[in-house]
C-alpha atoms as a PDB file:
ATOM      1  CA  UNK A   1       0.000   0.000   0.000  1.00  0.00           C
ATOM      2  CA  UNK A   2       1.383   3.373  -0.926  1.00  0.00           C
ATOM      3  CA  UNK A   3       2.087   5.949   1.758  1.00  0.00           C
ATOM      4  CA  UNK A   4      -0.560   8.379   0.439  1.00  0.00           C
ATOM      5  CA  UNK A   5      -3.256   5.693   0.378  1.00  0.00           C
ATOM      6  CA  UNK A   6      -2.268   4.574   3.856  1.00  0.00           C
ATOM      7  CA  UNK A   7      -2.598   8.165   5.132  1.00  0.00           C
ATOM      8  CA  UNK A   8      -6.058   8.525   3.521  1.00  0.00           C
ATOM      9  CA  UNK A   9      -7.248   5.324   5.227  1.00  0.00           C
ATOM     10  CA  UNK A  10      -5.815   6.507   8.523  1.00  0.00           C
ATOM     11  CA  UNK A  11      -7.602   9.881   8.195  1.00  0.00           C
ATOM     12  CA  UNK A  12     -10.861   8.178   7.296  1.00  0.00           C
ATOM     13  CA  UNK A  13     -10.558   5.926  10.324  1.00  0.00           C
ATOM     14  CA  UNK A  14      -9.907   8.927  12.568  1.00  0.00           C
ATOM     15  CA  UNK A  15     -13.054  10.630  11.226  1.00  0.00           C
ATOM     16  CA  UNK A  16     -15.187   7.553  11.880  1.00  0.00           C
ATOM     17  CA  UNK A  17     -13.752   7.000  15.342  1.00  0.00           C
ATOM     18  CA  UNK A  18     -14.198  10.688  16.098  1.00  0.00           C
ATOM     19  CA  UNK A  19     -17.906  10.394  15.362  1.00  0.00           C
ATOM     20  CA  UNK A  20     -18.304   7.270  17.447  1.00  0.00           C
ATOM     21  CA  UNK A  21     -16.305   8.432  20.434  1.00  0.00           C
ATOM     22  CA  UNK A  22     -16.065  12.227  20.477  1.00  0.00           C
ATOM     23  CA  UNK A  23     -13.303  13.713  22.542  1.00  0.00           C
ATOM     24  CA  UNK A  24     -14.497  15.198  25.831  1.00  0.00           C
ATOM     25  CA  UNK A  25     -15.072  18.885  25.462  1.00  0.00           C
ATOM     26  CA  UNK A  26     -14.910  18.787  21.670  1.00  0.00           C
ATOM     27  CA  UNK A  27     -18.338  20.343  21.386  1.00  0.00           C
ATOM     28  CA  UNK A  28     -17.824  22.953  24.111  1.00  0.00           C
ATOM     29  CA  UNK A  29     -18.127  26.519  23.017  1.00  0.00           C
ATOM     30  CA  UNK A  30     -20.459  25.782  20.102  1.00  0.00           C
ATOM     31  CA  UNK A  31     -24.036  26.908  20.743  1.00  0.00           C
ATOM     32  CA  UNK A  32     -25.480  24.131  18.579  1.00  0.00           C
ATOM     33  CA  UNK A  33     -23.513  21.406  20.392  1.00  0.00           C
ATOM     34  CA  UNK A  34     -21.888  20.233  17.154  1.00  0.00           C
ATOM     35  CA  UNK A  35     -18.218  19.401  16.894  1.00  0.00           C
ATOM     36  CA  UNK A  36     -15.949  21.285  14.593  1.00  0.00           C
ATOM     37  CA  UNK A  37     -15.604  19.565  11.230  1.00  0.00           C
ATOM     38  CA  UNK A  38     -12.709  17.165  10.876  1.00  0.00           C
ATOM     39  CA  UNK A  39     -10.190  18.009   8.188  1.00  0.00           C
ATOM     40  CA  UNK A  40      -8.916  15.307   5.876  1.00  0.00           C
ATOM     41  CA  UNK A  41      -5.220  14.875   5.094  1.00  0.00           C
ATOM     42  CA  UNK A  42      -5.122  17.599   2.436  1.00  0.00           C
ATOM     43  CA  UNK A  43      -6.672  20.150   4.839  1.00  0.00           C
ATOM     44  CA  UNK A  44     -10.129  20.285   3.232  1.00  0.00           C
ATOM     45  CA  UNK A  45     -13.154  19.922   5.494  1.00  0.00           C
ATOM     46  CA  UNK A  46     -14.682  16.495   5.936  1.00  0.00           C
ATOM     47  CA  UNK A  47     -17.261  16.057   3.151  1.00  0.00           C
ATOM     48  CA  UNK A  48     -19.525  14.038   5.432  1.00  0.00           C
ATOM     49  CA  UNK A  49     -21.927  16.383   7.240  1.00  0.00           C
ATOM     50  CA  UNK A  50     -22.136  16.321  10.999  1.00  0.00           C
ATOM     51  CA  UNK A  51     -25.541  15.054  12.127  1.00  0.00           C
ATOM     52  CA  UNK A  52     -27.756  17.515  13.921  1.00  0.00           C
ATOM     53  CA  UNK A  53     -29.061  16.495  17.279  1.00  0.00           C
ATOM     54  CA  UNK A  54     -31.452  13.619  16.751  1.00  0.00           C
ATOM     55  CA  UNK A  55     -35.143  14.343  17.188  1.00  0.00           C
ATOM     56  CA  UNK A  56     -36.567  12.782  20.300  1.00  0.00           C
ATOM     57  CA  UNK A  57     -37.732   9.261  19.658  1.00  0.00           C
ATOM     58  CA  UNK A  58     -41.334   8.388  20.477  1.00  0.00           C
ATOM     59  CA  UNK A  59     -41.769   6.899  23.894  1.00  0.00           C
ATOM     60  CA  UNK A  60     -41.591   3.153  23.913  1.00  0.00           C
ATOM     61  CA  UNK A  61     -44.637   1.183  24.936  1.00  0.00           C
ATOM     62  CA  UNK A  62     -44.432  -0.169  28.458  1.00  0.00           C
ATOM     63  CA  UNK A  63     -47.065  -2.913  28.794  1.00  0.00           C
ATOM     64  CA  UNK A  64     -46.958  -2.997  32.578  1.00  0.00           C
ATOM     65  CA  UNK A  65     -47.315   0.756  32.887  1.00  0.00           C
ATOM     66  CA  UNK A  66     -50.196   0.743  30.413  1.00  0.00           C
ATOM     67  CA  UNK A  67     -52.122  -1.824  32.420  1.00  0.00           C
ATOM     68  CA  UNK A  68     -51.336  -0.137  35.750  1.00  0.00           C
ATOM     69  CA  UNK A  69     -52.674   3.165  34.393  1.00  0.00           C
ATOM     70  CA  UNK A  70     -55.754   1.417  32.995  1.00  0.00           C
ATOM     71  CA  UNK A  71     -56.424  -0.347  36.316  1.00  0.00           C
ATOM     72  CA  UNK A  72     -55.997   2.961  38.173  1.00  0.00           C
ATOM     73  CA  UNK A  73     -58.516   4.666  35.890  1.00  0.00           C
ATOM     74  CA  UNK A  74     -60.905   1.748  36.438  1.00  0.00           C
ATOM     75  CA  UNK A  75     -60.478   2.105  40.211  1.00  0.00           C
ATOM     76  CA  UNK A  76     -61.357   5.803  39.912  1.00  0.00           C
ATOM     77  CA  UNK A  77     -64.375   4.987  37.726  1.00  0.00           C
ATOM     78  CA  UNK A  78     -63.555   7.520  35.007  1.00  0.00           C
ATOM     79  CA  UNK A  79     -65.172   6.071  31.845  1.00  0.00           C
ATOM     80  CA  UNK A  80     -63.461   8.480  29.438  1.00  0.00           C
ATOM     81  CA  UNK A  81     -60.010   7.805  30.880  1.00  0.00           C
ATOM     82  CA  UNK A  82     -60.702   4.070  30.945  1.00  0.00           C
ATOM     83  CA  UNK A  83     -61.717   4.101  27.282  1.00  0.00           C
ATOM     84  CA  UNK A  84     -58.764   6.224  26.148  1.00  0.00           C
ATOM     85  CA  UNK A  85     -56.225   4.246  28.145  1.00  0.00           C
ATOM     86  CA  UNK A  86     -57.714   0.942  26.996  1.00  0.00           C
ATOM     87  CA  UNK A  87     -57.504   1.923  23.332  1.00  0.00           C
ATOM     88  CA  UNK A  88     -53.920   3.115  23.784  1.00  0.00           C
ATOM     89  CA  UNK A  89     -53.023  -0.092  25.639  1.00  0.00           C
ATOM     90  CA  UNK A  90     -54.722  -2.227  22.984  1.00  0.00           C
ATOM     91  CA  UNK A  91     -52.796  -0.442  20.234  1.00  0.00           C
ATOM     92  CA  UNK A  92     -49.505  -0.853  22.102  1.00  0.00           C
ATOM     93  CA  UNK A  93     -50.120  -4.501  22.954  1.00  0.00           C
ATOM     94  CA  UNK A  94     -51.165  -5.238  19.391  1.00  0.00           C
ATOM     95  CA  UNK A  95     -47.987  -3.644  18.037  1.00  0.00           C
ATOM     96  CA  UNK A  96     -45.950  -5.637  20.578  1.00  0.00           C
ATOM     97  CA  UNK A  97     -47.658  -8.852  19.429  1.00  0.00           C
ATOM     98  CA  UNK A  98     -49.481  -9.313  22.735  1.00  0.00           C
ATOM     99  CA  UNK A  99     -53.040  -9.956  21.540  1.00  0.00           C
ATOM    100  CA  UNK A 100     -54.332 -11.427  24.810  1.00  0.00           C
ATOM    101  CA  UNK A 101     -53.373  -8.292  26.722  1.00  0.00           C
ATOM    102  CA  UNK A 102     -54.889  -6.081  24.005  1.00  0.00           C
ATOM    103  CA  UNK A 103     -58.174  -7.989  24.183  1.00  0.00           C
ATOM    104  CA  UNK A 104     -58.129  -7.837  27.983  1.00  0.00           C
ATOM    105  CA  UNK A 105     -57.714  -4.043  27.888  1.00  0.00           C
ATOM    106  CA  UNK A 106     -60.722  -3.696  25.592  1.00  0.00           C
ATOM    107  CA  UNK A 107     -62.862  -6.003  27.744  1.00  0.00           C
ATOM    108  CA  UNK A 108     -61.979  -4.013  30.838  1.00  0.00           C
ATOM    109  CA  UNK A 109     -63.097  -0.792  29.171  1.00  0.00           C
ATOM    110  CA  UNK A 110     -66.328  -2.281  27.836  1.00  0.00           C
ATOM    111  CA  UNK A 111     -67.422  -2.686  31.458  1.00  0.00           C
ATOM    112  CA  UNK A 112     -67.666   1.101  31.794  1.00  0.00           C
ATOM    113  CA  UNK A 113     -68.494   2.067  28.186  1.00  0.00           C
ATOM    114  CA  UNK A 114     -70.348  -0.924  26.669  1.00  0.00           C
ATOM    115  CA  UNK A 115     -71.592   0.966  23.616  1.00  0.00           C
ATOM    116  CA  UNK A 116     -68.239   2.423  22.583  1.00  0.00           C
ATOM    117  CA  UNK A 117     -67.791   1.735  18.875  1.00  0.00           C
ATOM    118  CA  UNK A 118     -63.998   2.206  18.956  1.00  0.00           C
ATOM    119  CA  UNK A 119     -63.633  -0.564  21.519  1.00  0.00           C
ATOM    120  CA  UNK A 120     -65.824  -2.922  19.503  1.00  0.00           C
ATOM    121  CA  UNK A 121     -63.927  -2.158  16.301  1.00  0.00           C
ATOM    122  CA  UNK A 122     -60.618  -2.721  18.082  1.00  0.00           C
ATOM    123  CA  UNK A 123     -61.893  -6.079  19.327  1.00  0.00           C
ATOM    124  CA  UNK A 124     -63.044  -7.087  15.851  1.00  0.00           C
ATOM    125  CA  UNK A 125     -59.578  -6.272  14.471  1.00  0.00           C
ATOM    126  CA  UNK A 126     -57.918  -8.209  17.289  1.00  0.00           C
ATOM    127  CA  UNK A 127     -60.192 -11.189  16.691  1.00  0.00           C
ATOM    128  CA  UNK A 128     -59.241 -11.149  13.016  1.00  0.00           C
ATOM    129  CA  UNK A 129     -55.563 -10.949  13.945  1.00  0.00           C
ATOM    130  CA  UNK A 130     -56.043 -14.107  16.002  1.00  0.00           C
ATOM    131  CA  UNK A 131     -57.917 -15.857  13.181  1.00  0.00           C
ATOM    132  CA  UNK A 132     -61.203 -15.789  15.057  1.00  0.00           C
ATOM    133  CA  UNK A 133     -63.249 -14.952  11.990  1.00  0.00           C
ATOM    134  CA  UNK A 134     -66.689 -15.994  13.277  1.00  0.00           C
ATOM    135  CA  UNK A 135     -66.269 -13.983  16.466  1.00  0.00           C
ATOM    136  CA  UNK A 136     -65.118 -10.930  14.463  1.00  0.00           C
ATOM    137  CA  UNK A 137     -68.066 -11.185  12.078  1.00  0.00           C
ATOM    138  CA  UNK A 138     -70.510 -11.511  14.985  1.00  0.00           C
ATOM    139  CA  UNK A 139     -68.913  -8.464  16.624  1.00  0.00           C
ATOM    140  CA  UNK A 140     -69.252  -6.397  13.420  1.00  0.00           C
ATOM    141  CA  UNK A 141     -72.871  -7.494  12.851  1.00  0.00           C
ATOM    142  CA  UNK A 142     -73.765  -6.443  16.399  1.00  0.00           C
ATOM    143  CA  UNK A 143     -71.847  -3.187  15.939  1.00  0.00           C
ATOM    144  CA  UNK A 144     -73.891  -2.509  12.802  1.00  0.00           C
ATOM    145  CA  UNK A 145     -77.057  -2.742  14.887  1.00  0.00           C
ATOM    146  CA  UNK A 146     -75.563  -0.470  17.517  1.00  0.00           C
ATOM    147  CA  UNK A 147     -74.570   2.093  14.873  1.00  0.00           C
ATOM    148  CA  UNK A 148     -78.071   1.998  13.390  1.00  0.00           C
ATOM    149  CA  UNK A 149     -79.689   2.489  16.809  1.00  0.00           C
ATOM    150  CA  UNK A 150     -77.414   5.447  17.517  1.00  0.00           C
ATOM    151  CA  UNK A 151     -77.875   6.793  13.978  1.00  0.00           C
ATOM    152  CA  UNK A 152     -74.089   6.782  13.594  1.00  0.00           C
ATOM    153  CA  UNK A 153     -73.109   6.656   9.903  1.00  0.00           C
ATOM    154  CA  UNK A 154     -69.425   7.255  10.737  1.00  0.00           C
ATOM    155  CA  UNK A 155     -69.198   4.063  12.779  1.00  0.00           C
ATOM    156  CA  UNK A 156     -71.151   2.201  10.129  1.00  0.00           C
ATOM    157  CA  UNK A 157     -68.670   3.379   7.485  1.00  0.00           C
ATOM    158  CA  UNK A 158     -65.673   2.390   9.606  1.00  0.00           C
ATOM    159  CA  UNK A 159     -66.965  -1.104  10.267  1.00  0.00           C
ATOM    160  CA  UNK A 160     -67.790  -1.528   6.581  1.00  0.00           C
ATOM    161  CA  UNK A 161     -64.204  -0.522   5.778  1.00  0.00           C
ATOM    162  CA  UNK A 162     -62.992  -3.343   8.033  1.00  0.00           C
ATOM    163  CA  UNK A 163     -65.476  -5.693   6.376  1.00  0.00           C
ATOM    164  CA  UNK A 164     -64.333  -4.714   2.867  1.00  0.00           C
ATOM    165  CA  UNK A 165     -60.612  -4.947   3.620  1.00  0.00           C
ATOM    166  CA  UNK A 166     -60.498  -8.003   5.870  1.00  0.00           C
ATOM    167  CA  UNK A 167     -63.766  -9.875   5.322  1.00  0.00           C
ATOM    168  CA  UNK A 168     -64.692  -9.153   1.721  1.00  0.00           C
ATOM    169  CA  UNK A 169     -66.111 -12.640   1.190  1.00  0.00           C
ATOM    170  CA  UNK A 170     -68.385 -12.626   4.256  1.00  0.00           C
ATOM    171  CA  UNK A 171     -72.012 -12.630   3.034  1.00  0.00           C
ATOM    172  CA  UNK A 172     -73.529 -11.307   6.295  1.00  0.00           C
ATOM    173  CA  UNK A 173     -71.333  -8.230   6.168  1.00  0.00           C
ATOM    174  CA  UNK A 174     -71.539  -7.772   2.426  1.00  0.00           C
ATOM    175  CA  UNK A 175     -75.319  -7.546   2.727  1.00  0.00           C
ATOM    176  CA  UNK A 176     -75.078  -5.027   5.568  1.00  0.00           C
ATOM    177  CA  UNK A 177     -72.465  -2.820   3.882  1.00  0.00           C
ATOM    178  CA  UNK A 178     -73.919  -2.485   0.380  1.00  0.00           C
END
């Protein structure tokens, strides 16, 4: 390996290591917290841009905390909080591939808000995720009746969207969603 090539590799390695393990105090004195650009062997600035501070990542889902908060809301008897926390817990548990916990959260909330369409739709989706087709269809048929009683075309449209996308060949739902 020629001396010039060796020096280029060495400089590149220094740049990479500098990004991975910045020297203490290297970013002091800069209001944006960025380090000064590294110069390559020929004195030109490093062509690789320095990353800006990373945006905060979304909070991770904590299943235990979600259920503790849901249980606390249930103990207080606040139906709105129970519903909201249950839907958030169901979404988090579903994303974490914990369908039993997601279903449990919805069932807990149905005790205080039995006519909540969002909870019933969440359950239908969870049932379909589990392969419980008959249970999901029954849930959507009953939700159709509930939406009709409440004169709620929005809920009816949402459940028909689920029927069209996940149960397109189900005659009971096809008839209800025409």
